[in-house]
Amino acid sequence: MHRLGQILFCLGTVVWILGGSAAHAQQAGPLVIDGGTLIDGNGGTPIADAVVVIQGNKIATVGRKGQTNYPANAQVIGADGKFIVPGL
């Protein structure tokens, strides 16, 4: 099981680098990562169907899909079926 955790962490890192970081660098307003499984990196329970709202270079809000408001002018990245690893 420990090996599976390492693999998921690596996959999450790749998804973040290829998907989230590139899109974040191109956008001017808030960024919303919608869906996906959030891995907090601190050993907490993963959050399925997570929503992460990023404003500037900081995470402004974290919640569940359908329970979190999105800024009106946000760029939304669909992350269903992917992993979200903030901070990488």
PDB file of N, CA and C in Angstrom:
ATOM      1  N   MET A   1       0.822  -1.195   0.000  1.00  0.00           N
ATOM      2  CA  MET A   1       0.000   0.000   0.000  1.00  0.00           C
ATOM      3  C   MET A   1       0.865   1.258   0.000  1.00  0.00           C
ATOM      4  N   HIS A   2       2.013   1.185   0.669  1.00  0.00           N
ATOM      5  CA  HIS A   2       2.916   2.331   0.695  1.00  0.00           C
ATOM      6  C   HIS A   2       3.397   2.665  -0.716  1.00  0.00           C
ATOM      7  N   ARG A   3       3.667   1.656  -1.505  1.00  0.00           N
ATOM      8  CA  ARG A   3       4.122   1.846  -2.891  1.00  0.00           C
ATOM      9  C   ARG A   3       3.026   2.516  -3.716  1.00  0.00           C
ATOM     10  N   LEU A   4       1.772   2.148  -3.495  1.00  0.00           N
ATOM     11  CA  LEU A   4       0.650   2.762  -4.202  1.00  0.00           C
ATOM     12  C   LEU A   4       0.582   4.247  -3.874  1.00  0.00           C
ATOM     13  N   GLY A   5       0.788   4.591  -2.620  1.00  0.00           N
ATOM     14  CA  GLY A   5       0.783   5.994  -2.219  1.00  0.00           C
ATOM     15  C   GLY A   5       1.866   6.788  -2.929  1.00  0.00           C
ATOM     16  N   GLN A   6       3.044   6.203  -3.074  1.00  0.00           N
ATOM     17  CA  GLN A   6       4.131   6.879  -3.777  1.00  0.00           C
ATOM     18  C   GLN A   6       3.789   7.084  -5.245  1.00  0.00           C
ATOM     19  N   ILE A   7       3.179   6.081  -5.848  1.00  0.00           N
ATOM     20  CA  ILE A   7       2.796   6.177  -7.257  1.00  0.00           C
ATOM     21  C   ILE A   7       1.751   7.267  -7.441  1.00  0.00           C
ATOM     22  N   LEU A   8       0.738   7.299  -6.564  1.00  0.00           N
ATOM     23  CA  LEU A   8      -0.300   8.323  -6.665  1.00  0.00           C
ATOM     24  C   LEU A   8       0.292   9.711  -6.474  1.00  0.00           C
ATOM     25  N   PHE A   9       1.231   9.844  -5.546  1.00  0.00           N
ATOM     26  CA  PHE A   9       1.875  11.134  -5.322  1.00  0.00           C
ATOM     27  C   PHE A   9       2.606  11.587  -6.585  1.00  0.00           C
ATOM     28  N   CYS A  10       3.347  10.684  -7.208  1.00  0.00           N
ATOM     29  CA  CYS A  10       4.070  11.024  -8.440  1.00  0.00           C
ATOM     30  C   CYS A  10       3.109  11.406  -9.558  1.00  0.00           C
ATOM     31  N   LEU A  11       2.019  10.664  -9.696  1.00  0.00           N
ATOM     32  CA  LEU A  11       1.030  10.984 -10.721  1.00  0.00           C
ATOM     33  C   LEU A  11       0.397  12.345 -10.473  1.00  0.00           C
ATOM     34  N   GLY A  12       0.098  12.620  -9.212  1.00  0.00           N
ATOM     35  CA  GLY A  12      -0.475  13.918  -8.866  1.00  0.00           C
ATOM     36  C   GLY A  12       0.474  15.053  -9.193  1.00  0.00           C
ATOM     37  N   THR A  13       1.744  14.842  -8.925  1.00  0.00           N
ATOM     38  CA  THR A  13       2.747  15.852  -9.238  1.00  0.00           C
ATOM     39  C   THR A  13       2.796  16.121 -10.736  1.00  0.00           C
ATOM     40  N   VAL A  14       2.772  15.069 -11.533  1.00  0.00           N
ATOM     41  CA  VAL A  14       2.808  15.223 -12.991  1.00  0.00           C
ATOM     42  C   VAL A  14       1.563  15.960 -13.473  1.00  0.00           C
ATOM     43  N   VAL A  15       0.391  15.600 -12.947  1.00  0.00           N
ATOM     44  CA  VAL A  15      -0.853  16.269 -13.347  1.00  0.00           C
ATOM     45  C   VAL A  15      -0.764  17.750 -13.007  1.00  0.00           C
ATOM     46  N   TRP A  16      -0.270  18.067 -11.829  1.00  0.00           N
ATOM     47  CA  TRP A  16      -0.170  19.467 -11.409  1.00  0.00           C
ATOM     48  C   TRP A  16       0.798  20.236 -12.310  1.00  0.00           C
ATOM     49  N   ILE A  17       1.946  19.653 -12.589  1.00  0.00           N
ATOM     50  CA  ILE A  17       2.946  20.335 -13.409  1.00  0.00           C
ATOM     51  C   ILE A  17       2.438  20.542 -14.831  1.00  0.00           C
ATOM     52  N   LEU A  18       1.889  19.503 -15.431  1.00  0.00           N
ATOM     53  CA  LEU A  18       1.454  19.583 -16.825  1.00  0.00           C
ATOM     54  C   LEU A  18       0.133  20.311 -17.003  1.00  0.00           C
ATOM     55  N   GLY A  19      -0.755  20.181 -16.043  1.00  0.00           N
ATOM     56  CA  GLY A  19      -2.077  20.778 -16.201  1.00  0.00           C
ATOM     57  C   GLY A  19      -2.222  22.100 -15.488  1.00  0.00           C
ATOM     58  N   GLY A  20      -2.140  22.095 -14.181  1.00  0.00           N
ATOM     59  CA  GLY A  20      -2.414  23.274 -13.386  1.00  0.00           C
ATOM     60  C   GLY A  20      -1.411  24.379 -13.534  1.00  0.00           C
ATOM     61  N   SER A  21      -0.135  24.082 -13.475  1.00  0.00           N
ATOM     62  CA  SER A  21       0.881  25.131 -13.510  1.00  0.00           C
ATOM     63  C   SER A  21       0.913  25.845 -14.849  1.00  0.00           C
ATOM     64  N   ALA A  22       0.822  25.121 -15.942  1.00  0.00           N
ATOM     65  CA  ALA A  22       0.854  25.738 -17.259  1.00  0.00           C
ATOM     66  C   ALA A  22      -0.355  26.641 -17.452  1.00  0.00           C
ATOM     67  N   ALA A  23      -1.519  26.193 -17.045  1.00  0.00           N
ATOM     68  CA  ALA A  23      -2.723  26.999 -17.193  1.00  0.00           C
ATOM     69  C   ALA A  23      -2.658  28.221 -16.283  1.00  0.00           C
ATOM     70  N   HIS A  24      -2.146  28.054 -15.077  1.00  0.00           N
ATOM     71  CA  HIS A  24      -2.055  29.158 -14.131  1.00  0.00           C
ATOM     72  C   HIS A  24      -1.148  30.258 -14.670  1.00  0.00           C
ATOM     73  N   ALA A  25      -0.061  29.892 -15.319  1.00  0.00           N
ATOM     74  CA  ALA A  25       0.880  30.868 -15.845  1.00  0.00           C
ATOM     75  C   ALA A  25       0.264  31.680 -16.979  1.00  0.00           C
ATOM     76  N   GLN A  26      -0.742  31.135 -17.666  1.00  0.00           N
ATOM     77  CA  GLN A  26      -1.334  31.798 -18.815  1.00  0.00           C
ATOM     78  C   GLN A  26      -2.531  32.667 -18.449  1.00  0.00           C
ATOM     79  N   GLN A  27      -3.102  32.497 -17.302  1.00  0.00           N
ATOM     80  CA  GLN A  27      -4.328  33.211 -16.973  1.00  0.00           C
ATOM     81  C   GLN A  27      -4.054  34.438 -16.117  1.00  0.00           C
ATOM     82  N   ALA A  28      -4.977  35.414 -16.175  1.00  0.00           N
ATOM     83  CA  ALA A  28      -4.794  36.647 -15.428  1.00  0.00           C
ATOM     84  C   ALA A  28      -5.666  36.709 -14.193  1.00  0.00           C
ATOM     85  N   GLY A  29      -6.867  36.107 -14.242  1.00  0.00           N
ATOM     86  CA  GLY A  29      -7.796  36.158 -13.125  1.00  0.00           C
ATOM     87  C   GLY A  29      -7.682  34.929 -12.254  1.00  0.00           C
ATOM     88  N   PRO A  30      -8.699  34.721 -11.409  1.00  0.00           N
ATOM     89  CA  PRO A  30      -8.706  33.541 -10.540  1.00  0.00           C
ATOM     90  C   PRO A  30      -8.734  32.250 -11.352  1.00  0.00           C
ATOM     91  N   LEU A  31      -8.210  31.198 -10.743  1.00  0.00           N
ATOM     92  CA  LEU A  31      -8.175  29.879 -11.363  1.00  0.00           C
ATOM     93  C   LEU A  31      -8.931  28.917 -10.464  1.00  0.00           C
ATOM     94  N   VAL A  32      -9.792  28.092 -11.056  1.00  0.00           N
ATOM     95  CA  VAL A  32     -10.526  27.074 -10.313  1.00  0.00           C
ATOM     96  C   VAL A  32     -10.153  25.706 -10.868  1.00  0.00           C
ATOM     97  N   ILE A  33      -9.699  24.824  -9.998  1.00  0.00           N
ATOM     98  CA  ILE A  33      -9.474  23.434 -10.378  1.00  0.00           C
ATOM     99  C   ILE A  33     -10.683  22.671  -9.861  1.00  0.00           C
ATOM    100  N   ASP A  34     -11.477  22.161 -10.786  1.00  0.00           N
ATOM    101  CA  ASP A  34     -12.793  21.612 -10.492  1.00  0.00           C
ATOM    102  C   ASP A  34     -12.793  20.093 -10.613  1.00  0.00           C
ATOM    103  N   GLY A  35     -13.154  19.407  -9.533  1.00  0.00           N
ATOM    104  CA  GLY A  35     -13.194  17.951  -9.527  1.00  0.00           C
ATOM    105  C   GLY A  35     -11.831  17.408  -9.161  1.00  0.00           C
ATOM    106  N   GLY A  36     -11.610  16.153  -9.362  1.00  0.00           N
ATOM    107  CA  GLY A  36     -10.337  15.548  -9.009  1.00  0.00           C
ATOM    108  C   GLY A  36     -10.284  15.183  -7.532  1.00  0.00           C
ATOM    109  N   THR A  37      -9.250  14.478  -7.175  1.00  0.00           N
ATOM    110  CA  THR A  37      -9.043  14.072  -5.791  1.00  0.00           C
ATOM    111  C   THR A  37      -7.907  14.892  -5.224  1.00  0.00           C
ATOM    112  N   LEU A  38      -8.187  15.620  -4.150  1.00  0.00           N
ATOM    113  CA  LEU A  38      -7.198  16.484  -3.520  1.00  0.00           C
ATOM    114  C   LEU A  38      -6.368  15.693  -2.516  1.00  0.00           C
ATOM    115  N   ILE A  39      -5.046  15.697  -2.716  1.00  0.00           N
ATOM    116  CA  ILE A  39      -4.099  15.097  -1.782  1.00  0.00           C
ATOM    117  C   ILE A  39      -3.417  16.264  -1.087  1.00  0.00           C
ATOM    118  N   ASP A  40      -3.592  16.390   0.239  1.00  0.00           N
ATOM    119  CA  ASP A  40      -3.060  17.574   0.914  1.00  0.00           C
ATOM    120  C   ASP A  40      -1.563  17.514   1.206  1.00  0.00           C
ATOM    121  N   GLY A  41      -0.944  16.346   1.084  1.00  0.00           N
ATOM    122  CA  GLY A  41       0.495  16.240   1.310  1.00  0.00           C
ATOM    123  C   GLY A  41       0.893  16.162   2.765  1.00  0.00           C
ATOM    124  N   ASN A  42      -0.081  16.235   3.666  1.00  0.00           N
ATOM    125  CA  ASN A  42       0.194  16.169   5.103  1.00  0.00           C
ATOM    126  C   ASN A  42      -0.348  14.901   5.736  1.00  0.00           C
ATOM    127  N   GLY A  43      -0.772  13.951   4.925  1.00  0.00           N
ATOM    128  CA  GLY A  43      -1.292  12.691   5.447  1.00  0.00           C
ATOM    129  C   GLY A  43      -2.781  12.695   5.716  1.00  0.00           C
ATOM    130  N   GLY A  44      -3.469  13.778   5.367  1.00  0.00           N
ATOM    131  CA  GLY A  44      -4.913  13.840   5.559  1.00  0.00           C
ATOM    132  C   GLY A  44      -5.638  12.931   4.584  1.00  0.00           C
ATOM    133  N   THR A  45      -6.886  12.665   4.858  1.00  0.00           N
ATOM    134  CA  THR A  45      -7.705  11.844   3.980  1.00  0.00           C
ATOM    135  C   THR A  45      -7.910  12.568   2.655  1.00  0.00           C
ATOM    136  N   PRO A  46      -7.681  11.900   1.526  1.00  0.00           N
ATOM    137  CA  PRO A  46      -7.919  12.538   0.226  1.00  0.00           C
ATOM    138  C   PRO A  46      -9.375  12.984   0.093  1.00  0.00           C
ATOM    139  N   ILE A  47      -9.583  14.110  -0.571  1.00  0.00           N
ATOM    140  CA  ILE A  47     -10.923  14.662  -0.773  1.00  0.00           C
ATOM    141  C   ILE A  47     -11.324  14.441  -2.219  1.00  0.00           C
ATOM    142  N   ALA A  48     -12.325  13.593  -2.427  1.00  0.00           N
ATOM    143  CA  ALA A  48     -12.837  13.335  -3.777  1.00  0.00           C
ATOM    144  C   ALA A  48     -13.704  14.505  -4.224  1.00  0.00           C
ATOM    145  N   ASP A  49     -13.777  14.742  -5.527  1.00  0.00           N
ATOM    146  CA  ASP A  49     -14.575  15.829  -6.110  1.00  0.00           C
ATOM    147  C   ASP A  49     -14.259  17.175  -5.463  1.00  0.00           C
ATOM    148  N   ALA A  50     -12.977  17.452  -5.298  1.00  0.00           N
ATOM    149  CA  ALA A  50     -12.536  18.691  -4.660  1.00  0.00           C
ATOM    150  C   ALA A  50     -12.570  19.861  -5.639  1.00  0.00           C
ATOM    151  N   VAL A  51     -12.670  21.050  -5.073  1.00  0.00           N
ATOM    152  CA  VAL A  51     -12.570  22.296  -5.823  1.00  0.00           C
ATOM    153  C   VAL A  51     -11.521  23.151  -5.129  1.00  0.00           C
ATOM    154  N   VAL A  52     -10.567  23.654  -5.906  1.00  0.00           N
ATOM    155  CA  VAL A  52      -9.530  24.532  -5.367  1.00  0.00           C
ATOM    156  C   VAL A  52      -9.611  25.846  -6.132  1.00  0.00           C
ATOM    157  N   VAL A  53      -9.789  26.956  -5.392  1.00  0.00           N
ATOM    158  CA  VAL A  53      -9.835  28.285  -5.997  1.00  0.00           C
ATOM    159  C   VAL A  53      -8.507  28.967  -5.690  1.00  0.00           C
ATOM    160  N   ILE A  54      -7.805  29.384  -6.754  1.00  0.00           N
ATOM    161  CA  ILE A  54      -6.499  30.026  -6.616  1.00  0.00           C
ATOM    162  C   ILE A  54      -6.627  31.462  -7.098  1.00  0.00           C
ATOM    163  N   GLN A  55      -6.204  32.395  -6.250  1.00  0.00           N
ATOM    164  CA  GLN A  55      -6.199  33.809  -6.626  1.00  0.00           C
ATOM    165  C   GLN A  55      -4.775  34.324  -6.457  1.00  0.00           C
ATOM    166  N   GLY A  56      -4.219  34.841  -7.540  1.00  0.00           N
ATOM    167  CA  GLY A  56      -2.813  35.235  -7.524  1.00  0.00           C
ATOM    168  C   GLY A  56      -1.963  33.981  -7.415  1.00  0.00           C
ATOM    169  N   ASN A  57      -1.103  33.935  -6.424  1.00  0.00           N
ATOM    170  CA  ASN A  57      -0.278  32.743  -6.219  1.00  0.00           C
ATOM    171  C   ASN A  57      -0.630  32.022  -4.925  1.00  0.00           C
ATOM    172  N   LYS A  58      -1.873  32.226  -4.445  1.00  0.00           N
ATOM    173  CA  LYS A  58      -2.308  31.601  -3.192  1.00  0.00           C
ATOM    174  C   LYS A  58      -3.610  30.843  -3.368  1.00  0.00           C
ATOM    175  N   ILE A  59      -3.747  29.767  -2.622  1.00  0.00           N
ATOM    176  CA  ILE A  59      -5.002  29.021  -2.584  1.00  0.00           C
ATOM    177  C   ILE A  59      -5.967  29.809  -1.710  1.00  0.00           C
ATOM    178  N   ALA A  60      -7.078  30.247  -2.303  1.00  0.00           N
ATOM    179  CA  ALA A  60      -8.048  31.065  -1.588  1.00  0.00           C
ATOM    180  C   ALA A  60      -9.117  30.220  -0.902  1.00  0.00           C
ATOM    181  N   THR A  61      -9.572  29.154  -1.570  1.00  0.00           N
ATOM    182  CA  THR A  61     -10.658  28.327  -1.049  1.00  0.00           C
ATOM    183  C   THR A  61     -10.463  26.885  -1.486  1.00  0.00           C
ATOM    184  N   VAL A  62     -10.804  25.974  -0.593  1.00  0.00           N
ATOM    185  CA  VAL A  62     -10.832  24.551  -0.914  1.00  0.00           C
ATOM    186  C   VAL A  62     -12.170  24.019  -0.422  1.00  0.00           C
ATOM    187  N   GLY A  63     -12.839  23.256  -1.261  1.00  0.00           N
ATOM    188  CA  GLY A  63     -14.118  22.686  -0.865  1.00  0.00           C
ATOM    189  C   GLY A  63     -14.463  21.500  -1.742  1.00  0.00           C
ATOM    190  N   ARG A  64     -15.730  21.127  -1.686  1.00  0.00           N
ATOM    191  CA  ARG A  64     -16.211  20.020  -2.508  1.00  0.00           C
ATOM    192  C   ARG A  64     -16.987  20.570  -3.699  1.00  0.00           C
ATOM    193  N   LYS A  65     -16.933  19.828  -4.796  1.00  0.00           N
ATOM    194  CA  LYS A  65     -17.667  20.183  -6.009  1.00  0.00           C
ATOM    195  C   LYS A  65     -19.150  20.305  -5.676  1.00  0.00           C
ATOM    196  N   GLY A  66     -19.760  21.395  -6.120  1.00  0.00           N
ATOM    197  CA  GLY A  66     -21.175  21.626  -5.858  1.00  0.00           C
ATOM    198  C   GLY A  66     -21.433  22.380  -4.563  1.00  0.00           C
ATOM    199  N   GLN A  67     -20.405  22.555  -3.726  1.00  0.00           N
ATOM    200  CA  GLN A  67     -20.570  23.253  -2.444  1.00  0.00           C
ATOM    201  C   GLN A  67     -19.674  24.480  -2.332  1.00  0.00           C
ATOM    202  N   THR A  68     -18.961  24.801  -3.408  1.00  0.00           N
ATOM    203  CA  THR A  68     -18.007  25.907  -3.382  1.00  0.00           C
ATOM    204  C   THR A  68     -18.344  26.896  -4.487  1.00  0.00           C
ATOM    205  N   ASN A  69     -18.358  28.180  -4.147  1.00  0.00           N
ATOM    206  CA  ASN A  69     -18.639  29.222  -5.136  1.00  0.00           C
ATOM    207  C   ASN A  69     -17.381  29.539  -5.932  1.00  0.00           C
ATOM    208  N   TYR A  70     -17.575  29.778  -7.218  1.00  0.00           N
ATOM    209  CA  TYR A  70     -16.473  30.135  -8.104  1.00  0.00           C
ATOM    210  C   TYR A  70     -16.519  31.636  -8.359  1.00  0.00           C
ATOM    211  N   PRO A  71     -15.364  32.303  -8.408  1.00  0.00           N
ATOM    212  CA  PRO A  71     -15.370  33.715  -8.802  1.00  0.00           C
ATOM    213  C   PRO A  71     -15.941  33.845 -10.219  1.00  0.00           C
ATOM    214  N   ALA A  72     -16.648  34.933 -10.461  1.00  0.00           N
ATOM    215  CA  ALA A  72     -17.345  35.126 -11.745  1.00  0.00           C
ATOM    216  C   ALA A  72     -16.412  35.076 -12.946  1.00  0.00           C
ATOM    217  N   ASN A  73     -15.203  35.586 -12.815  1.00  0.00           N
ATOM    218  CA  ASN A  73     -14.295  35.677 -13.964  1.00  0.00           C
ATOM    219  C   ASN A  73     -13.212  34.592 -13.947  1.00  0.00           C
ATOM    220  N   ALA A  74     -13.463  33.502 -13.243  1.00  0.00           N
ATOM    221  CA  ALA A  74     -12.434  32.462 -13.079  1.00  0.00           C
ATOM    222  C   ALA A  74     -12.277  31.596 -14.323  1.00  0.00           C
ATOM    223  N   GLN A  75     -11.030  31.187 -14.556  1.00  0.00           N
ATOM    224  CA  GLN A  75     -10.755  30.158 -15.552  1.00  0.00           C
ATOM    225  C   GLN A  75     -10.928  28.831 -14.823  1.00  0.00           C
ATOM    226  N   VAL A  76     -11.697  27.907 -15.390  1.00  0.00           N
ATOM    227  CA  VAL A  76     -11.986  26.632 -14.742  1.00  0.00           C
ATOM    228  C   VAL A  76     -11.269  25.512 -15.484  1.00  0.00           C
ATOM    229  N   ILE A  77     -10.519  24.718 -14.728  1.00  0.00           N
ATOM    230  CA  ILE A  77      -9.840  23.548 -15.272  1.00  0.00           C
ATOM    231  C   ILE A  77     -10.536  22.320 -14.708  1.00  0.00           C
ATOM    232  N   GLY A  78     -11.072  21.478 -15.585  1.00  0.00           N
ATOM    233  CA  GLY A  78     -11.717  20.238 -15.158  1.00  0.00           C
ATOM    234  C   GLY A  78     -10.652  19.205 -14.764  1.00  0.00           C
ATOM    235  N   ALA A  79     -10.776  18.663 -13.573  1.00  0.00           N
ATOM    236  CA  ALA A  79      -9.780  17.698 -13.089  1.00  0.00           C
ATOM    237  C   ALA A  79     -10.405  16.357 -12.722  1.00  0.00           C
ATOM    238  N   ASP A  80     -11.619  16.097 -13.218  1.00  0.00           N
ATOM    239  CA  ASP A  80     -12.264  14.811 -12.914  1.00  0.00           C
ATOM    240  C   ASP A  80     -11.365  13.670 -13.335  1.00  0.00           C
ATOM    241  N   GLY A  81     -11.191  12.686 -12.436  1.00  0.00           N
ATOM    242  CA  GLY A  81     -10.365  11.539 -12.718  1.00  0.00           C
ATOM    243  C   GLY A  81      -8.874  11.792 -12.524  1.00  0.00           C
ATOM    244  N   LYS A  82      -8.521  12.975 -12.033  1.00  0.00           N
ATOM    245  CA  LYS A  82      -7.119  13.316 -11.824  1.00  0.00           C
ATOM    246  C   LYS A  82      -6.876  13.584 -10.333  1.00  0.00           C
ATOM    247  N   PHE A  83      -5.615  13.812  -9.996  1.00  0.00           N
ATOM    248  CA  PHE A  83      -5.240  14.120  -8.622  1.00  0.00           C
ATOM    249  C   PHE A  83      -4.709  15.544  -8.558  1.00  0.00           C
ATOM    250  N   ILE A  84      -5.037  16.236  -7.464  1.00  0.00           N
ATOM    251  CA  ILE A  84      -4.608  17.614  -7.241  1.00  0.00           C
ATOM    252  C   ILE A  84      -3.660  17.597  -6.048  1.00  0.00           C
ATOM    253  N   VAL A  85      -2.444  18.109  -6.246  1.00  0.00           N
ATOM    254  CA  VAL A  85      -1.459  18.163  -5.168  1.00  0.00           C
ATOM    255  C   VAL A  85      -0.972  19.605  -5.057  1.00  0.00           C
ATOM    256  N   PRO A  86      -1.592  20.414  -4.183  1.00  0.00           N
ATOM    257  CA  PRO A  86      -1.190  21.812  -4.042  1.00  0.00           C
ATOM    258  C   PRO A  86       0.253  21.943  -3.563  1.00  0.00           C
ATOM    259  N   GLY A  87       0.872  23.014  -3.987  1.00  0.00           N
ATOM    260  CA  GLY A  87       2.205  23.341  -3.505  1.00  0.00           C
ATOM    261  C   GLY A  87       3.342  22.796  -4.336  1.00  0.00           C
ATOM    262  N   LEU A  88       3.039  22.003  -5.340  1.00  0.00           N
ATOM    263  CA  LEU A  88       4.129  21.465  -6.157  1.00  0.00           C
ATOM    264  C   LEU A  88       4.167  22.141  -7.504  1.00  0.00           C
TER     265      LEU A  88
END
